[in-house]
Amino acid sequence: MKHVPQTTAWKRRAKFAHALLVYHRRQAARQLRKYEQADGVPLDAATKRTARQYAGDVLGSPIYAPWLYVFAKLRGHFKEGWIPLDFFELIVIRHVNRSLRTLAHPKTFFRRVFPHDAIPDVAYVLRGVLHDVHFQPVEPAQALQTVFEGIDEVVIKDDGSGRGEAIKVMTTRDLDVEALVRDHPNAVVQRRIRDHPALRLFEDANGTRLRLMTTLTPGYRPEVRAGFVSFPKAGWAYSAAGFNALVVMDANRSTLVRSFGVPKPLHRDEVRIAGDSMVGAAFPAFEEAVRLVTSLHAEVPHLGVIGWDVMIDEEAQPWVIEWNVGVPGILQTEAITGPNFMNLGWHDLRWHPDLDG
């Protein structure tokens, strides 16, 4: 790597990189303890040595070994070719998505990038002003007869929210548009998608979400490399962080291969057992979902990796409800179905202070 003068900006970025690595080391240690305590079997020393050797030889430093320990514990053995979470976040994303890695943070910007009908947006609140899907201002008094006409239920998501946070589900008959623009000054309003019958673990739950990760290959052709499914627990209107059963998908076969219970104790056994019941099942409309997200990714070759959240409705139609270009999750998918990112040149990437510019 070329010499870089240690300017104030350089030192600030190096300090950030170090802090991120420390954070990941602690998170990986917690995860490893959790999985070791679950079955009472600690990860053996030989596997740890192999992981450290691989991290040093292939990824440039043994500092990236802790997440590889977690992967090996989940998989049952070590696999060469893995990309650990810290290397993915600190190096890969910053190389392949660069300054655009925050592009998906404002949810109201999604349809501006992708003006497609497969995105269920029906309205936006921007700086306290209601807009239609063409980003034209709408008077609140006219909204129920215009942007919400023919729509029974909506989902309201604040800009910058994530992991199932700051979401409201409402019927349009209960929708107070004046309160909407006052209480949610920057938000997207989407039509509510009802789950396909095959994706309902509980009768009173809705919001099963398929996360597909697309990567841009060296030939500039988007491919789905990994996927998982989040099922909401009973009584929930959507899949929220900490309250879902996560099932890893074999993206090559469109089947669900392994379930992970919720990290919090609330209804843990109920959700875990329900998630386990889906292992081996085929995901409905999977091929249609793959075609949809890869065609969308092809429209923005500026980005090397995108995570897509897809719902399948009652008529087996896929809808893309969100996207992520910052830190799409790869923990369980990389551990169970990986390595998923071979032949992309990612293993040869290294940190450089300009990546944070």
Protein backbone atom coordinates (compact mmCIF):
# COMPACT_ATOMS: atom_id res chain seq x y z
CA MET A 1 0.00 0.00 0.00
CA LYS A 2 1.32 3.44 -0.86
CA HIS A 3 2.48 5.72 1.94
CA VAL A 4 -0.25 8.02 3.21
CA PRO A 5 0.66 11.17 5.16
CA GLN A 6 -0.82 10.96 8.65
CA THR A 7 -3.00 14.04 8.49
CA THR A 8 -5.69 14.84 11.04
CA ALA A 9 -8.29 13.25 8.74
CA TRP A 10 -6.14 10.14 8.36
CA LYS A 11 -5.81 9.78 12.13
CA ARG A 12 -9.53 10.31 12.63
CA ARG A 13 -10.38 7.61 10.11
CA ALA A 14 -7.82 5.23 11.55
CA LYS A 15 -9.28 5.80 15.00
CA PHE A 16 -12.75 5.04 13.67
CA ALA A 17 -11.52 1.84 12.00
CA HIS A 18 -9.89 0.70 15.24
CA ALA A 19 -13.07 1.43 17.23
CA LEU A 20 -15.16 -0.54 14.73
CA LEU A 21 -12.82 -3.52 14.98
CA VAL A 22 -12.97 -3.42 18.79
CA TYR A 23 -16.77 -3.32 18.62
CA HIS A 24 -16.85 -6.32 16.28
CA ARG A 25 -14.41 -8.27 18.43
CA ARG A 26 -16.68 -7.82 21.44
CA GLN A 27 -19.82 -8.68 19.48
CA ALA A 28 -18.21 -11.81 18.06
CA ALA A 29 -17.12 -12.90 21.53
CA ARG A 30 -20.69 -12.51 22.82
CA GLN A 31 -22.11 -14.48 19.92
CA LEU A 32 -19.57 -17.25 20.34
CA ARG A 33 -20.37 -17.56 24.06
CA LYS A 34 -24.08 -17.68 23.26
CA TYR A 35 -23.71 -20.52 20.79
CA GLU A 36 -21.22 -22.40 22.99
CA GLN A 37 -23.58 -22.16 25.96
CA ALA A 38 -26.48 -23.37 23.82
CA ASP A 39 -24.93 -26.80 23.30
CA GLY A 40 -22.27 -26.80 26.02
CA VAL A 41 -19.47 -27.43 23.51
CA PRO A 42 -16.69 -24.81 23.26
CA LEU A 43 -14.98 -24.21 19.94
CA ASP A 44 -11.78 -26.26 19.88
CA ALA A 45 -8.32 -24.67 19.87
CA ALA A 46 -7.30 -26.26 16.57
CA THR A 47 -10.20 -24.60 14.73
CA LYS A 48 -9.29 -21.26 16.28
CA ARG A 49 -5.69 -21.64 15.12
CA THR A 50 -6.89 -22.43 11.61
CA ALA A 51 -9.14 -19.36 11.61
CA ARG A 52 -6.34 -17.08 12.80
CA GLN A 53 -3.98 -18.46 10.17
CA TYR A 54 -6.56 -17.95 7.44
CA ALA A 55 -7.33 -14.39 8.60
CA GLY A 56 -3.65 -13.50 8.54
CA ASP A 57 -2.76 -15.19 5.27
CA VAL A 58 -5.87 -14.38 3.22
CA LEU A 59 -7.45 -11.29 4.79
CA GLY A 60 -4.25 -9.56 5.84
CA SER A 61 -4.50 -9.76 9.65
CA PRO A 62 -5.47 -12.23 12.39
CA ILE A 63 -7.59 -9.43 13.85
CA TYR A 64 -10.41 -10.67 11.61
CA ALA A 65 -10.48 -14.12 13.27
CA PRO A 66 -13.22 -13.64 15.94
CA TRP A 67 -16.18 -13.74 13.56
CA LEU A 68 -14.60 -16.74 11.84
CA TYR A 69 -14.76 -18.50 15.22
CA VAL A 70 -18.51 -17.79 15.30
CA PHE A 71 -18.95 -19.05 11.73
CA ALA A 72 -17.07 -22.26 12.54
CA LYS A 73 -19.18 -22.82 15.64
CA LEU A 74 -22.40 -22.39 13.66
CA ARG A 75 -21.22 -24.52 10.74
CA GLY A 76 -19.54 -27.22 12.80
CA HIS A 77 -16.20 -26.79 11.06
CA PHE A 78 -14.04 -24.14 9.40
CA LYS A 79 -14.49 -23.21 5.72
CA GLU A 80 -11.91 -21.38 3.64
CA GLY A 81 -13.29 -18.47 1.64
CA TRP A 82 -15.44 -16.95 4.37
CA ILE A 83 -15.79 -13.15 4.65
CA PRO A 84 -16.13 -12.17 8.34
CA LEU A 85 -18.51 -9.40 9.37
CA ASP A 86 -15.88 -6.84 10.37
CA PHE A 87 -13.91 -7.29 7.13
CA PHE A 88 -17.19 -7.00 5.20
CA GLU A 89 -18.25 -3.78 6.94
CA LEU A 90 -14.91 -2.03 7.30
CA ILE A 91 -13.36 -2.96 3.97
CA VAL A 92 -15.68 -4.60 1.45
CA ILE A 93 -18.64 -2.22 1.70
CA ARG A 94 -16.37 0.80 1.68
CA HIS A 95 -14.62 -0.46 -1.46
CA VAL A 96 -17.64 -1.60 -3.47
CA ASN A 97 -20.27 0.97 -2.41
CA ARG A 98 -17.96 3.84 -1.47
CA SER A 99 -19.71 7.13 -0.66
CA LEU A 100 -23.09 5.73 -1.79
CA ARG A 101 -23.27 3.34 1.18
CA THR A 102 -25.62 5.76 2.99
CA LEU A 103 -27.93 6.15 -0.02
CA ALA A 104 -30.61 3.82 1.38
CA HIS A 105 -30.73 5.48 4.81
CA PRO A 106 -33.61 7.84 3.94
CA LYS A 107 -36.53 5.54 3.17
CA THR A 108 -38.27 8.32 1.27
CA PHE A 109 -35.50 8.19 -1.35
CA PHE A 110 -36.05 4.56 -2.41
CA ARG A 111 -38.55 5.15 -5.20
CA ARG A 112 -36.61 8.16 -6.41
CA VAL A 113 -33.79 5.75 -7.24
CA PHE A 114 -36.13 2.96 -8.42
CA PRO A 115 -39.45 4.31 -9.76
CA HIS A 116 -40.99 0.83 -9.99
CA ASP A 117 -44.49 -0.39 -9.22
CA ALA A 118 -43.02 -3.34 -7.28
CA ILE A 119 -42.15 -0.87 -4.51
CA PRO A 120 -45.34 -0.39 -2.45
CA ASP A 121 -44.84 3.31 -1.63
CA VAL A 122 -48.03 5.37 -1.92
CA ALA A 123 -47.00 8.66 -0.28
CA TYR A 124 -44.17 10.53 1.43
CA VAL A 125 -43.93 13.13 4.14
CA LEU A 126 -40.97 15.38 3.40
CA ARG A 127 -40.17 18.16 5.86
CA GLY A 128 -43.75 18.01 7.12
CA VAL A 129 -45.36 18.19 3.67
CA LEU A 130 -47.33 15.30 2.17
CA HIS A 131 -46.26 14.19 -1.33
CA ASP A 132 -47.54 11.57 -3.76
CA VAL A 133 -45.32 8.89 -5.34
CA HIS A 134 -44.30 11.36 -8.03
CA PHE A 135 -43.04 13.67 -5.28
CA GLN A 136 -45.73 16.25 -5.92
CA PRO A 137 -47.19 18.04 -2.87
CA VAL A 138 -50.69 16.96 -1.82
CA GLU A 139 -53.06 18.86 0.42
CA PRO A 140 -53.85 16.72 3.51
CA ALA A 141 -57.58 17.37 3.07
CA GLN A 142 -57.45 15.74 -0.37
CA ALA A 143 -55.18 12.82 0.52
CA LEU A 144 -57.86 10.22 1.30
CA GLN A 145 -59.48 10.85 -2.09
CA THR A 146 -56.18 10.84 -4.00
CA VAL A 147 -53.05 9.07 -2.76
CA PHE A 148 -54.90 6.70 -0.40
CA GLU A 149 -57.88 5.95 -2.65
CA GLY A 150 -58.61 2.20 -2.83
CA ILE A 151 -56.05 1.35 -0.13
CA ASP A 152 -57.35 -0.28 3.06
CA GLU A 153 -54.21 -0.39 5.19
CA VAL A 154 -50.90 1.45 5.22
CA VAL A 155 -47.51 1.06 6.87
CA ILE A 156 -45.75 4.22 8.04
CA LYS A 157 -41.95 4.19 8.38
CA ASP A 158 -39.86 7.11 9.56
CA ASP A 159 -36.76 8.07 7.63
CA GLY A 160 -33.62 6.58 9.12
CA SER A 161 -35.44 3.86 11.04
CA GLY A 162 -34.46 0.24 10.68
CA ARG A 163 -34.72 -3.29 12.07
CA GLY A 164 -38.48 -3.02 12.47
CA GLU A 165 -38.29 0.20 14.49
CA ALA A 166 -40.61 3.24 14.23
CA ILE A 167 -43.23 1.41 12.17
CA LYS A 168 -46.97 1.95 12.40
CA VAL A 169 -49.68 -0.11 10.71
CA MET A 170 -53.01 1.65 10.26
CA THR A 171 -56.26 1.35 8.37
CA THR A 172 -56.97 4.30 6.12
CA ARG A 173 -60.31 4.85 7.87
CA ASP A 174 -58.35 5.57 11.06
CA LEU A 175 -55.71 7.65 9.30
CA ASP A 176 -55.53 11.24 10.45
CA VAL A 177 -53.49 12.88 7.69
CA GLU A 178 -52.92 16.06 9.68
CA ALA A 179 -51.49 13.99 12.55
CA LEU A 180 -49.43 11.97 10.08
CA VAL A 181 -47.56 14.98 8.73
CA ARG A 182 -47.18 16.43 12.22
CA ASP A 183 -45.93 13.29 13.98
CA HIS A 184 -43.92 11.87 11.06
CA PRO A 185 -42.34 14.88 9.31
CA ASN A 186 -40.07 12.66 7.21
CA ALA A 187 -41.56 9.26 6.47
CA VAL A 188 -42.65 6.87 3.76
CA VAL A 189 -46.19 5.49 3.62
CA GLN A 190 -46.58 2.08 1.95
CA ARG A 191 -49.59 -0.05 1.17
CA ARG A 192 -49.67 -3.00 3.55
CA ILE A 193 -48.66 -6.30 1.99
CA ARG A 194 -50.45 -9.42 3.25
CA ASP A 195 -48.27 -12.54 3.47
CA HIS A 196 -48.64 -15.47 1.12
CA PRO A 197 -50.48 -18.31 2.94
CA ALA A 198 -47.39 -20.53 2.81
CA LEU A 199 -45.43 -17.92 4.79
CA ARG A 200 -47.71 -17.56 7.80
CA LEU A 201 -46.21 -19.23 10.83
CA PHE A 202 -49.00 -17.82 13.00
CA GLU A 203 -52.51 -16.86 11.97
CA ASP A 204 -52.34 -13.48 13.68
CA ALA A 205 -48.90 -12.49 12.38
CA ASN A 206 -47.92 -10.70 9.18
CA GLY A 207 -44.71 -9.34 7.69
CA THR A 208 -42.61 -12.31 6.58
CA ARG A 209 -39.54 -10.75 4.97
CA LEU A 210 -37.11 -12.31 2.51
CA ARG A 211 -33.66 -10.69 2.56
CA LEU A 212 -31.76 -11.23 -0.68
CA MET A 213 -28.25 -9.98 -1.21
CA THR A 214 -27.16 -9.17 -4.74
CA THR A 215 -23.57 -8.57 -5.75
CA LEU A 216 -22.18 -7.14 -8.95
CA THR A 217 -19.92 -9.72 -10.57
CA PRO A 218 -16.71 -8.84 -12.44
CA GLY A 219 -18.80 -8.98 -15.64
CA TYR A 220 -21.18 -6.34 -14.18
CA ARG A 221 -24.03 -8.83 -13.92
CA PRO A 222 -25.96 -8.80 -10.62
CA GLU A 223 -26.34 -12.15 -8.87
CA VAL A 224 -28.12 -13.26 -5.70
CA ARG A 225 -25.42 -14.70 -3.46
CA ALA A 226 -27.21 -15.15 -0.11
CA GLY A 227 -30.58 -14.95 1.57
CA PHE A 228 -32.53 -15.43 4.76
CA VAL A 229 -36.16 -15.15 5.86
CA SER A 230 -37.52 -13.36 8.95
CA PHE A 231 -40.85 -14.59 10.30
CA PRO A 232 -42.76 -12.38 12.78
CA LYS A 233 -43.91 -13.83 16.06
CA ALA A 234 -47.57 -14.34 16.94
CA GLY A 235 -49.53 -11.13 17.30
CA TRP A 236 -47.06 -8.98 15.39
CA ALA A 237 -47.99 -7.01 12.28
CA TYR A 238 -44.46 -7.09 10.87
CA SER A 239 -41.07 -8.72 11.41
CA ALA A 240 -39.11 -6.77 14.03
CA ALA A 241 -35.57 -7.11 15.34
CA GLY A 242 -35.39 -9.46 18.30
CA PHE A 243 -38.86 -10.90 17.80
CA ASN A 244 -38.56 -13.09 14.75
CA ALA A 245 -37.47 -16.53 13.64
CA LEU A 246 -34.65 -16.25 11.15
CA VAL A 247 -34.28 -19.05 8.62
CA VAL A 248 -31.27 -19.16 6.30
CA MET A 249 -31.99 -19.85 2.64
CA ASP A 250 -30.06 -21.84 0.10
CA ALA A 251 -30.28 -19.25 -2.67
CA ASN A 252 -29.28 -21.80 -5.30
CA ARG A 253 -32.21 -24.08 -4.47
CA SER A 254 -34.76 -21.59 -3.08
CA THR A 255 -35.16 -23.76 0.03
CA LEU A 256 -34.88 -22.90 3.73
CA VAL A 257 -32.01 -24.76 5.35
CA ARG A 258 -31.62 -23.77 9.01
CA SER A 259 -33.56 -21.86 11.65
CA PHE A 260 -32.32 -19.53 14.38
CA GLY A 261 -34.48 -18.59 17.37
CA VAL A 262 -35.01 -15.07 18.61
CA PRO A 263 -32.23 -13.62 20.79
CA LYS A 264 -34.68 -12.42 23.46
CA PRO A 265 -36.57 -14.86 25.73
CA LEU A 266 -40.07 -13.61 24.89
CA HIS A 267 -41.93 -16.46 23.13
CA ARG A 268 -38.55 -17.93 22.25
CA ASP A 269 -39.58 -21.57 22.10
CA GLU A 270 -42.80 -20.86 20.22
CA VAL A 271 -41.03 -18.90 17.50
CA ARG A 272 -38.06 -21.24 17.30
CA ILE A 273 -40.26 -24.31 16.87
CA ALA A 274 -42.33 -22.55 14.24
CA GLY A 275 -39.18 -21.52 12.39
CA ASP A 276 -37.81 -25.05 12.55
CA SER A 277 -41.00 -26.28 10.90
CA MET A 278 -40.11 -24.29 7.77
CA VAL A 279 -36.70 -25.89 7.26
CA GLY A 280 -36.68 -27.81 3.99
CA ALA A 281 -39.62 -25.86 2.56
CA ALA A 282 -39.42 -24.08 -0.79
CA PHE A 283 -40.00 -20.34 -0.77
CA PRO A 284 -42.96 -19.28 -2.96
CA ALA A 285 -42.25 -16.97 -5.92
CA PHE A 286 -38.54 -17.14 -5.19
CA GLU A 287 -37.49 -17.06 -8.84
CA GLU A 288 -39.73 -14.03 -9.44
CA ALA A 289 -38.17 -12.27 -6.46
CA VAL A 290 -34.66 -13.01 -7.76
CA ARG A 291 -35.50 -11.64 -11.21
CA LEU A 292 -36.96 -8.53 -9.63
CA VAL A 293 -34.01 -7.63 -7.39
CA THR A 294 -31.34 -8.47 -9.96
CA SER A 295 -33.11 -6.31 -12.56
CA LEU A 296 -33.25 -3.46 -10.05
CA HIS A 297 -29.58 -3.83 -9.17
CA ALA A 298 -28.69 -3.73 -12.86
CA GLU A 299 -30.06 -0.19 -12.97
CA VAL A 300 -27.46 1.05 -10.45
CA PRO A 301 -24.08 -0.47 -11.38
CA HIS A 302 -22.57 2.18 -9.09
CA LEU A 303 -23.16 -0.24 -6.18
CA GLY A 304 -21.33 -3.51 -5.69
CA VAL A 305 -23.62 -5.07 -3.09
CA ILE A 306 -27.26 -4.47 -2.13
CA GLY A 307 -29.49 -6.12 0.44
CA TRP A 308 -33.18 -6.27 -0.54
CA ASP A 309 -36.18 -6.88 1.72
CA VAL A 310 -38.92 -8.62 -0.24
CA MET A 311 -42.44 -9.64 0.75
CA ILE A 312 -44.59 -12.11 -1.19
CA ASP A 313 -48.28 -11.24 -1.20
CA GLU A 314 -51.34 -13.48 -1.24
CA GLU A 315 -51.25 -13.68 -5.05
CA ALA A 316 -47.56 -14.71 -5.04
CA GLN A 317 -46.39 -11.30 -6.25
CA PRO A 318 -43.05 -10.05 -4.88
CA TRP A 319 -42.80 -6.54 -3.43
CA VAL A 320 -39.53 -4.83 -2.50
CA ILE A 321 -40.25 -2.96 0.71
CA GLU A 322 -36.72 -1.77 1.59
CA TRP A 323 -33.10 -1.88 0.49
CA ASN A 324 -29.76 -1.67 2.30
CA VAL A 325 -26.39 -0.64 0.88
CA GLY A 326 -24.66 0.13 4.18
CA VAL A 327 -24.30 -3.09 6.17
CA PRO A 328 -26.51 -5.87 4.79
CA GLY A 329 -26.40 -8.70 7.35
CA ILE A 330 -24.33 -11.77 6.46
CA LEU A 331 -23.76 -13.55 9.79
CA GLN A 332 -25.96 -16.63 9.49
CA THR A 333 -25.95 -16.77 5.69
CA GLU A 334 -22.17 -16.70 5.36
CA ALA A 335 -21.75 -19.20 8.18
CA ILE A 336 -24.33 -21.71 6.99
CA THR A 337 -24.36 -21.45 3.18
CA GLY A 338 -21.04 -19.69 2.58
CA PRO A 339 -18.55 -18.90 1.41
CA ASN A 340 -20.94 -16.85 -0.73
CA PHE A 341 -18.56 -14.25 -2.15
CA MET A 342 -15.86 -16.14 -3.99
CA ASN A 343 -14.51 -14.90 -7.33
CA LEU A 344 -15.37 -11.28 -6.58
CA GLY A 345 -11.88 -10.18 -5.56
CA TRP A 346 -13.09 -9.18 -2.10
CA HIS A 347 -10.50 -11.21 -0.21
CA ASP A 348 -7.72 -9.10 -1.74
CA LEU A 349 -9.18 -5.78 -0.58
CA ARG A 350 -7.49 -3.87 2.23
CA TRP A 351 -8.34 -0.90 4.42
CA HIS A 352 -7.20 2.54 3.31
CA PRO A 353 -8.10 5.88 4.95
CA ASP A 354 -9.57 7.22 1.71
CA LEU A 355 -12.34 4.60 1.98
CA ASP A 356 -14.02 6.71 4.64
CA GLY A 357 -13.89 9.88 2.58
